[in-house]
């Protein structure tokens, strides 16, 4: 039995439970709820949300395509300049 003059603090414990947010799942549940209801206003809102989602998805594909084309043009110009510099 050892005598101590200072008490060492114990580790603090937290009751943290992480919350996960799944955006696709939330949107899917919202669409299913709108379809199951007979409210035409809810259905039109769900349709608008679906079109908005599709628009965003297509916009990302278009920007990637434009970026790839720009990269190809830049590389082509660089190779032509190097060719002119070193060959001619």
PDB file of N, CA and C in Angstrom:
ATOM      1  N   UNK A   1       0.832  -1.163   0.000  1.00  0.00           N
ATOM      2  CA  UNK A   1       0.000   0.000   0.000  1.00  0.00           C
ATOM      3  C   UNK A   1       0.889   1.242   0.000  1.00  0.00           C
ATOM      4  N   UNK A   2       0.866   1.944  -1.147  1.00  0.00           N
ATOM      5  CA  UNK A   2       1.727   3.114  -1.289  1.00  0.00           C
ATOM      6  C   UNK A   2       0.952   4.373  -0.947  1.00  0.00           C
ATOM      7  N   UNK A   3       1.604   5.282  -0.307  1.00  0.00           N
ATOM      8  CA  UNK A   3       0.990   6.563   0.022  1.00  0.00           C
ATOM      9  C   UNK A   3       1.250   7.537  -1.131  1.00  0.00           C
ATOM     10  N   UNK A   4       0.191   8.207  -1.587  1.00  0.00           N
ATOM     11  CA  UNK A   4       0.357   9.203  -2.644  1.00  0.00           C
ATOM     12  C   UNK A   4      -0.195  10.531  -2.172  1.00  0.00           C
ATOM     13  N   UNK A   5       0.492  11.598  -2.510  1.00  0.00           N
ATOM     14  CA  UNK A   5       0.047  12.920  -2.118  1.00  0.00           C
ATOM     15  C   UNK A   5      -0.767  13.605  -3.219  1.00  0.00           C
ATOM     16  N   UNK A   6      -0.547  13.170  -4.461  1.00  0.00           N
ATOM     17  CA  UNK A   6      -1.267  13.768  -5.579  1.00  0.00           C
ATOM     18  C   UNK A   6      -2.096  12.699  -6.267  1.00  0.00           C
ATOM     19  N   UNK A   7      -3.339  13.032  -6.571  1.00  0.00           N
ATOM     20  CA  UNK A   7      -4.203  12.099  -7.292  1.00  0.00           C
ATOM     21  C   UNK A   7      -4.020  12.337  -8.789  1.00  0.00           C
ATOM     22  N   UNK A   8      -3.820  11.279  -9.516  1.00  0.00           N
ATOM     23  CA  UNK A   8      -3.702  11.419 -10.971  1.00  0.00           C
ATOM     24  C   UNK A   8      -5.106  11.430 -11.578  1.00  0.00           C
ATOM     25  N   UNK A   9      -5.347  12.300 -12.532  1.00  0.00           N
ATOM     26  CA  UNK A   9      -6.687  12.371 -13.114  1.00  0.00           C
ATOM     27  C   UNK A   9      -6.960  11.139 -13.981  1.00  0.00           C
ATOM     28  N   UNK A  10      -8.211  10.728 -13.982  1.00  0.00           N
ATOM     29  CA  UNK A  10      -8.608   9.579 -14.809  1.00  0.00           C
ATOM     30  C   UNK A  10      -8.950  10.072 -16.211  1.00  0.00           C
ATOM     31  N   UNK A  11      -8.914   9.177 -17.138  1.00  0.00           N
ATOM     32  CA  UNK A  11      -9.253   9.522 -18.510  1.00  0.00           C
ATOM     33  C   UNK A  11     -10.725   9.898 -18.610  1.00  0.00           C
ATOM     34  N   UNK A  12     -10.995  10.921 -19.416  1.00  0.00           N
ATOM     35  CA  UNK A  12     -12.380  11.319 -19.617  1.00  0.00           C
ATOM     36  C   UNK A  12     -13.006  10.409 -20.673  1.00  0.00           C
ATOM     37  N   UNK A  13     -14.250  10.051 -20.440  1.00  0.00           N
ATOM     38  CA  UNK A  13     -14.971   9.199 -21.374  1.00  0.00           C
ATOM     39  C   UNK A  13     -16.136   9.984 -21.959  1.00  0.00           C
ATOM     40  N   UNK A  14     -16.330   9.821 -23.242  1.00  0.00           N
ATOM     41  CA  UNK A  14     -17.394  10.532 -23.929  1.00  0.00           C
ATOM     42  C   UNK A  14     -18.386   9.519 -24.485  1.00  0.00           C
ATOM     43  N   UNK A  15     -19.628   9.921 -24.544  1.00  0.00           N
ATOM     44  CA  UNK A  15     -20.681   9.085 -25.131  1.00  0.00           C
ATOM     45  C   UNK A  15     -21.015   9.610 -26.522  1.00  0.00           C
ATOM     46  N   UNK A  16     -20.055   9.681 -27.379  1.00  0.00           N
ATOM     47  CA  UNK A  16     -20.255  10.206 -28.723  1.00  0.00           C
ATOM     48  C   UNK A  16     -20.621   9.076 -29.665  1.00  0.00           C
ATOM     49  N   UNK A  17     -21.762   9.223 -30.320  1.00  0.00           N
ATOM     50  CA  UNK A  17     -22.186   8.249 -31.321  1.00  0.00           C
ATOM     51  C   UNK A  17     -22.279   8.986 -32.651  1.00  0.00           C
ATOM     52  N   UNK A  18     -21.430   8.641 -33.613  1.00  0.00           N
ATOM     53  CA  UNK A  18     -21.432   9.379 -34.875  1.00  0.00           C
ATOM     54  C   UNK A  18     -22.734   9.157 -35.643  1.00  0.00           C
ATOM     55  N   UNK A  19     -23.174  10.204 -36.327  1.00  0.00           N
ATOM     56  CA  UNK A  19     -24.384  10.148 -37.125  1.00  0.00           C
ATOM     57  C   UNK A  19     -23.963  10.186 -38.587  1.00  0.00           C
ATOM     58  N   UNK A  20     -24.441   9.231 -39.355  1.00  0.00           N
ATOM     59  CA  UNK A  20     -24.089   9.158 -40.768  1.00  0.00           C
ATOM     60  C   UNK A  20     -25.251   9.680 -41.601  1.00  0.00           C
ATOM     61  N   UNK A  21     -24.943  10.518 -42.557  1.00  0.00           N
ATOM     62  CA  UNK A  21     -25.948  11.101 -43.434  1.00  0.00           C
ATOM     63  C   UNK A  21     -25.742  10.545 -44.829  1.00  0.00           C
ATOM     64  N   UNK A  22     -26.759   9.870 -45.323  1.00  0.00           N
ATOM     65  CA  UNK A  22     -26.711   9.318 -46.669  1.00  0.00           C
ATOM     66  C   UNK A  22     -27.663  10.121 -47.548  1.00  0.00           C
ATOM     67  N   UNK A  23     -27.123  10.997 -48.361  1.00  0.00           N
ATOM     68  CA  UNK A  23     -27.944  11.901 -49.160  1.00  0.00           C
ATOM     69  C   UNK A  23     -28.778  11.133 -50.175  1.00  0.00           C
ATOM     70  N   UNK A  24     -28.205  10.128 -50.801  1.00  0.00           N
ATOM     71  CA  UNK A  24     -28.953   9.357 -51.801  1.00  0.00           C
ATOM     72  C   UNK A  24     -30.142   8.646 -51.163  1.00  0.00           C
ATOM     73  N   UNK A  25     -29.923   8.107 -49.967  1.00  0.00           N
ATOM     74  CA  UNK A  25     -31.002   7.411 -49.274  1.00  0.00           C
ATOM     75  C   UNK A  25     -32.121   8.383 -48.911  1.00  0.00           C
ATOM     76  N   UNK A  26     -31.763   9.568 -48.445  1.00  0.00           N
ATOM     77  CA  UNK A  26     -32.767  10.575 -48.095  1.00  0.00           C
ATOM     78  C   UNK A  26     -33.594  10.954 -49.327  1.00  0.00           C
ATOM     79  N   UNK A  27     -32.934  11.171 -50.453  1.00  0.00           N
ATOM     80  CA  UNK A  27     -33.651  11.546 -51.671  1.00  0.00           C
ATOM     81  C   UNK A  27     -34.551  10.412 -52.151  1.00  0.00           C
ATOM     82  N   UNK A  28     -34.059   9.174 -52.069  1.00  0.00           N
ATOM     83  CA  UNK A  28     -34.852   8.016 -52.481  1.00  0.00           C
ATOM     84  C   UNK A  28     -36.115   7.899 -51.624  1.00  0.00           C
ATOM     85  N   UNK A  29     -35.967   8.059 -50.311  1.00  0.00           N
ATOM     86  CA  UNK A  29     -37.122   7.968 -49.417  1.00  0.00           C
ATOM     87  C   UNK A  29     -38.113   9.094 -49.689  1.00  0.00           C
ATOM     88  N   UNK A  30     -37.609  10.269 -49.996  1.00  0.00           N
ATOM     89  CA  UNK A  30     -38.478  11.398 -50.299  1.00  0.00           C
ATOM     90  C   UNK A  30     -39.284  11.136 -51.568  1.00  0.00           C
ATOM     91  N   UNK A  31     -38.627  10.569 -52.599  1.00  0.00           N
ATOM     92  CA  UNK A  31     -39.337  10.251 -53.843  1.00  0.00           C
ATOM     93  C   UNK A  31     -40.380   9.169 -53.623  1.00  0.00           C
ATOM     94  N   UNK A  32     -40.032   8.133 -52.863  1.00  0.00           N
ATOM     95  CA  UNK A  32     -40.994   7.059 -52.602  1.00  0.00           C
ATOM     96  C   UNK A  32     -42.199   7.574 -51.830  1.00  0.00           C
ATOM     97  N   UNK A  33     -41.975   8.470 -50.900  1.00  0.00           N
ATOM     98  CA  UNK A  33     -43.073   9.044 -50.123  1.00  0.00           C
ATOM     99  C   UNK A  33     -43.991   9.856 -51.025  1.00  0.00           C
ATOM    100  N   UNK A  34     -43.400  10.629 -51.941  1.00  0.00           N
ATOM    101  CA  UNK A  34     -44.198  11.449 -52.841  1.00  0.00           C
ATOM    102  C   UNK A  34     -45.009  10.593 -53.806  1.00  0.00           C
ATOM    103  N   UNK A  35     -44.466   9.485 -54.250  1.00  0.00           N
ATOM    104  CA  UNK A  35     -45.171   8.611 -55.181  1.00  0.00           C
ATOM    105  C   UNK A  35     -46.300   7.884 -54.466  1.00  0.00           C
ATOM    106  N   UNK A  36     -46.068   7.506 -53.216  1.00  0.00           N
ATOM    107  CA  UNK A  36     -47.091   6.747 -52.491  1.00  0.00           C
ATOM    108  C   UNK A  36     -48.285   7.625 -52.120  1.00  0.00           C
ATOM    109  N   UNK A  37     -48.067   8.927 -51.966  1.00  0.00           N
ATOM    110  CA  UNK A  37     -49.171   9.829 -51.653  1.00  0.00           C
ATOM    111  C   UNK A  37     -49.929  10.168 -52.936  1.00  0.00           C
ATOM    112  N   UNK A  38     -51.202  10.506 -52.777  1.00  0.00           N
ATOM    113  CA  UNK A  38     -52.017  10.882 -53.933  1.00  0.00           C
ATOM    114  C   UNK A  38     -52.027  12.389 -54.161  1.00  0.00           C
ATOM    115  N   UNK A  39     -51.165  13.095 -53.462  1.00  0.00           N
ATOM    116  CA  UNK A  39     -51.101  14.548 -53.563  1.00  0.00           C
ATOM    117  C   UNK A  39     -50.353  14.938 -54.839  1.00  0.00           C
ATOM    118  N   UNK A  40     -51.021  15.609 -55.788  1.00  0.00           N
ATOM    119  CA  UNK A  40     -50.329  15.980 -57.037  1.00  0.00           C
ATOM    120  C   UNK A  40     -49.215  17.000 -56.819  1.00  0.00           C
ATOM    121  N   UNK A  41     -49.351  17.823 -55.798  1.00  0.00           N
ATOM    122  CA  UNK A  41     -48.312  18.812 -55.530  1.00  0.00           C
ATOM    123  C   UNK A  41     -47.027  18.141 -55.062  1.00  0.00           C
ATOM    124  N   UNK A  42     -47.145  17.128 -54.222  1.00  0.00           N
ATOM    125  CA  UNK A  42     -45.964  16.399 -53.753  1.00  0.00           C
ATOM    126  C   UNK A  42     -45.311  15.655 -54.908  1.00  0.00           C
ATOM    127  N   UNK A  43     -46.146  15.123 -55.810  1.00  0.00           N
ATOM    128  CA  UNK A  43     -45.603  14.404 -56.959  1.00  0.00           C
ATOM    129  C   UNK A  43     -44.839  15.354 -57.874  1.00  0.00           C
ATOM    130  N   UNK A  44     -45.385  16.552 -58.104  1.00  0.00           N
ATOM    131  CA  UNK A  44     -44.689  17.506 -58.980  1.00  0.00           C
ATOM    132  C   UNK A  44     -43.384  17.982 -58.335  1.00  0.00           C
ATOM    133  N   UNK A  45     -43.386  18.119 -57.010  1.00  0.00           N
ATOM    134  CA  UNK A  45     -42.146  18.508 -56.324  1.00  0.00           C
ATOM    135  C   UNK A  45     -41.096  17.404 -56.439  1.00  0.00           C
ATOM    136  N   UNK A  46     -41.531  16.145 -56.314  1.00  0.00           N
ATOM    137  CA  UNK A  46     -40.597  15.027 -56.456  1.00  0.00           C
ATOM    138  C   UNK A  46     -40.048  14.960 -57.871  1.00  0.00           C
ATOM    139  N   UNK A  47     -40.901  15.229 -58.840  1.00  0.00           N
ATOM    140  CA  UNK A  47     -40.460  15.237 -60.236  1.00  0.00           C
ATOM    141  C   UNK A  47     -39.438  16.335 -60.467  1.00  0.00           C
ATOM    142  N   UNK A  48     -39.693  17.509 -59.897  1.00  0.00           N
ATOM    143  CA  UNK A  48     -38.760  18.629 -60.019  1.00  0.00           C
ATOM    144  C   UNK A  48     -37.415  18.283 -59.378  1.00  0.00           C
ATOM    145  N   UNK A  49     -37.449  17.650 -58.216  1.00  0.00           N
ATOM    146  CA  UNK A  49     -36.207  17.247 -57.551  1.00  0.00           C
ATOM    147  C   UNK A  49     -35.431  16.236 -58.388  1.00  0.00           C
ATOM    148  N   UNK A  50     -36.156  15.295 -58.994  1.00  0.00           N
ATOM    149  CA  UNK A  50     -35.497  14.279 -59.817  1.00  0.00           C
ATOM    150  C   UNK A  50     -34.844  14.913 -61.043  1.00  0.00           C
ATOM    151  N   UNK A  51     -35.544  15.867 -61.670  1.00  0.00           N
ATOM    152  CA  UNK A  51     -34.968  16.558 -62.822  1.00  0.00           C
ATOM    153  C   UNK A  51     -33.742  17.373 -62.414  1.00  0.00           C
ATOM    154  N   UNK A  52     -33.815  17.992 -61.242  1.00  0.00           N
ATOM    155  CA  UNK A  52     -32.678  18.760 -60.733  1.00  0.00           C
ATOM    156  C   UNK A  52     -31.479  17.853 -60.487  1.00  0.00           C
ATOM    157  N   UNK A  53     -31.736  16.680 -59.916  1.00  0.00           N
ATOM    158  CA  UNK A  53     -30.660  15.718 -59.675  1.00  0.00           C
ATOM    159  C   UNK A  53     -30.028  15.265 -60.986  1.00  0.00           C
ATOM    160  N   UNK A  54     -30.856  14.987 -61.977  1.00  0.00           N
ATOM    161  CA  UNK A  54     -30.348  14.557 -63.278  1.00  0.00           C
ATOM    162  C   UNK A  54     -29.546  15.680 -63.937  1.00  0.00           C
ATOM    163  N   UNK A  55     -30.021  16.925 -63.795  1.00  0.00           N
ATOM    164  CA  UNK A  55     -29.320  18.079 -64.359  1.00  0.00           C
ATOM    165  C   UNK A  55     -27.930  18.209 -63.746  1.00  0.00           C
ATOM    166  N   UNK A  56     -27.831  18.064 -62.430  1.00  0.00           N
ATOM    167  CA  UNK A  56     -26.540  18.173 -61.754  1.00  0.00           C
ATOM    168  C   UNK A  56     -25.600  17.053 -62.201  1.00  0.00           C
ATOM    169  N   UNK A  57     -26.133  15.848 -62.348  1.00  0.00           N
ATOM    170  CA  UNK A  57     -25.308  14.721 -62.769  1.00  0.00           C
ATOM    171  C   UNK A  57     -24.761  14.946 -64.172  1.00  0.00           C
ATOM    172  N   UNK A  58     -25.613  15.449 -65.088  1.00  0.00           N
ATOM    173  CA  UNK A  58     -25.171  15.700 -66.458  1.00  0.00           C
ATOM    174  C   UNK A  58     -24.200  16.871 -66.532  1.00  0.00           C
ATOM    175  N   UNK A  59     -24.383  17.854 -65.680  1.00  0.00           N
ATOM    176  CA  UNK A  59     -23.478  19.005 -65.680  1.00  0.00           C
ATOM    177  C   UNK A  59     -22.069  18.566 -65.297  1.00  0.00           C
ATOM    178  N   UNK A  60     -21.945  17.653 -64.362  1.00  0.00           N
ATOM    179  CA  UNK A  60     -20.633  17.148 -63.973  1.00  0.00           C
ATOM    180  C   UNK A  60     -19.959  16.407 -65.113  1.00  0.00           C
ATOM    181  N   UNK A  61     -20.727  15.630 -65.862  1.00  0.00           N
ATOM    182  CA  UNK A  61     -20.168  14.887 -66.998  1.00  0.00           C
ATOM    183  C   UNK A  61     -19.711  15.846 -68.086  1.00  0.00           C
ATOM    184  N   UNK A  62     -20.496  16.896 -68.308  1.00  0.00           N
ATOM    185  CA  UNK A  62     -20.115  17.871 -69.335  1.00  0.00           C
ATOM    186  C   UNK A  62     -18.836  18.604 -68.963  1.00  0.00           C
ATOM    187  N   UNK A  63     -18.705  18.958 -67.693  1.00  0.00           N
ATOM    188  CA  UNK A  63     -17.502  19.689 -67.292  1.00  0.00           C
ATOM    189  C   UNK A  63     -16.269  18.787 -67.373  1.00  0.00           C
ATOM    190  N   UNK A  64     -16.413  17.494 -67.056  1.00  0.00           N
ATOM    191  CA  UNK A  64     -15.279  16.569 -67.198  1.00  0.00           C
ATOM    192  C   UNK A  64     -14.880  16.420 -68.657  1.00  0.00           C
ATOM    193  N   UNK A  65     -15.864  16.346 -69.529  1.00  0.00           N
ATOM    194  CA  UNK A  65     -15.577  16.198 -70.949  1.00  0.00           C
ATOM    195  C   UNK A  65     -14.847  17.436 -71.475  1.00  0.00           C
ATOM    196  N   UNK A  66     -15.312  18.619 -71.077  1.00  0.00           N
ATOM    197  CA  UNK A  66     -14.665  19.854 -71.507  1.00  0.00           C
ATOM    198  C   UNK A  66     -13.249  19.933 -70.959  1.00  0.00           C
ATOM    199  N   UNK A  67     -13.053  19.494 -69.739  1.00  0.00           N
ATOM    200  CA  UNK A  67     -11.721  19.517 -69.131  1.00  0.00           C
ATOM    201  C   UNK A  67     -10.775  18.578 -69.880  1.00  0.00           C
ATOM    202  N   UNK A  68     -11.253  17.404 -70.239  1.00  0.00           N
ATOM    203  CA  UNK A  68     -10.420  16.456 -70.981  1.00  0.00           C
ATOM    204  C   UNK A  68     -10.051  17.000 -72.355  1.00  0.00           C
ATOM    205  N   UNK A  69     -10.999  17.649 -73.018  1.00  0.00           N
ATOM    206  CA  UNK A  69     -10.710  18.226 -74.324  1.00  0.00           C
ATOM    207  C   UNK A  69      -9.669  19.346 -74.205  1.00  0.00           C
ATOM    208  N   UNK A  70      -9.800  20.170 -73.195  1.00  0.00           N
ATOM    209  CA  UNK A  70      -8.848  21.260 -72.981  1.00  0.00           C
ATOM    210  C   UNK A  70      -7.449  20.701 -72.722  1.00  0.00           C
ATOM    211  N   UNK A  71      -7.360  19.646 -71.919  1.00  0.00           N
ATOM    212  CA  UNK A  71      -6.075  19.014 -71.637  1.00  0.00           C
ATOM    213  C   UNK A  71      -5.454  18.461 -72.913  1.00  0.00           C
ATOM    214  N   UNK A  72      -6.251  17.831 -73.751  1.00  0.00           N
ATOM    215  CA  UNK A  72      -5.757  17.281 -75.005  1.00  0.00           C
ATOM    216  C   UNK A  72      -5.208  18.385 -75.907  1.00  0.00           C
ATOM    217  N   UNK A  73      -5.901  19.502 -75.994  1.00  0.00           N
ATOM    218  CA  UNK A  73      -5.447  20.612 -76.840  1.00  0.00           C
ATOM    219  C   UNK A  73      -4.141  21.187 -76.304  1.00  0.00           C
ATOM    220  N   UNK A  74      -4.036  21.350 -74.987  1.00  0.00           N
ATOM    221  CA  UNK A  74      -2.808  21.889 -74.382  1.00  0.00           C
ATOM    222  C   UNK A  74      -1.629  20.960 -74.649  1.00  0.00           C
ATOM    223  N   UNK A  75      -1.835  19.664 -74.483  1.00  0.00           N
ATOM    224  CA  UNK A  75      -0.751  18.711 -74.754  1.00  0.00           C
ATOM    225  C   UNK A  75      -0.340  18.726 -76.221  1.00  0.00           C
ATOM    226  N   UNK A  76      -1.308  18.823 -77.111  1.00  0.00           N
ATOM    227  CA  UNK A  76      -1.028  18.865 -78.536  1.00  0.00           C
ATOM    228  C   UNK A  76      -0.195  20.100 -78.879  1.00  0.00           C
ATOM    229  N   UNK A  77      -0.548  21.253 -78.335  1.00  0.00           N
ATOM    230  CA  UNK A  77       0.205  22.482 -78.588  1.00  0.00           C
ATOM    231  C   UNK A  77       1.619  22.363 -78.031  1.00  0.00           C
ATOM    232  N   UNK A  78       1.754  21.783 -76.844  1.00  0.00           N
ATOM    233  CA  UNK A  78       3.084  21.619 -76.251  1.00  0.00           C
ATOM    234  C   UNK A  78       3.968  20.715 -77.104  1.00  0.00           C
ATOM    235  N   UNK A  79       3.399  19.609 -77.587  1.00  0.00           N
ATOM    236  CA  UNK A  79       4.188  18.705 -78.423  1.00  0.00           C
ATOM    237  C   UNK A  79       4.583  19.364 -79.741  1.00  0.00           C
ATOM    238  N   UNK A  80       3.690  20.158 -80.314  1.00  0.00           N
ATOM    239  CA  UNK A  80       4.032  20.866 -81.553  1.00  0.00           C
ATOM    240  C   UNK A  80       5.152  21.886 -81.308  1.00  0.00           C
ATOM    241  N   UNK A  81       5.084  22.606 -80.201  1.00  0.00           N
ATOM    242  CA  UNK A  81       6.139  23.563 -79.890  1.00  0.00           C
ATOM    243  C   UNK A  81       7.479  22.868 -79.657  1.00  0.00           C
ATOM    244  N   UNK A  82       7.471  21.753 -78.939  1.00  0.00           N
ATOM    245  CA  UNK A  82       8.710  21.002 -78.719  1.00  0.00           C
ATOM    246  C   UNK A  82       9.259  20.461 -80.034  1.00  0.00           C
ATOM    247  N   UNK A  83       8.375  20.007 -80.890  1.00  0.00           N
ATOM    248  CA  UNK A  83       8.791  19.501 -82.200  1.00  0.00           C
ATOM    249  C   UNK A  83       9.466  20.614 -83.000  1.00  0.00           C
ATOM    250  N   UNK A  84       8.848  21.782 -83.015  1.00  0.00           N
ATOM    251  CA  UNK A  84       9.418  22.916 -83.764  1.00  0.00           C
ATOM    252  C   UNK A  84      10.745  23.379 -83.166  1.00  0.00           C
ATOM    253  N   UNK A  85      10.857  23.330 -81.849  1.00  0.00           N
ATOM    254  CA  UNK A  85      12.077  23.773 -81.180  1.00  0.00           C
ATOM    255  C   UNK A  85      13.257  22.830 -81.445  1.00  0.00           C
ATOM    256  N   UNK A  86      13.041  21.559 -81.320  1.00  0.00           N
ATOM    257  CA  UNK A  86      14.143  20.614 -81.370  1.00  0.00           C
ATOM    258  C   UNK A  86      14.382  19.992 -82.745  1.00  0.00           C
ATOM    259  N   UNK A  87      13.399  19.879 -83.559  1.00  0.00           N
ATOM    260  CA  UNK A  87      13.578  19.236 -84.864  1.00  0.00           C
ATOM    261  C   UNK A  87      13.952  20.264 -85.930  1.00  0.00           C
ATOM    262  N   UNK A  88      13.314  21.387 -85.926  1.00  0.00           N
ATOM    263  CA  UNK A  88      13.592  22.378 -86.982  1.00  0.00           C
ATOM    264  C   UNK A  88      14.638  23.329 -86.565  1.00  0.00           C
TER     265      UNK A  88
END
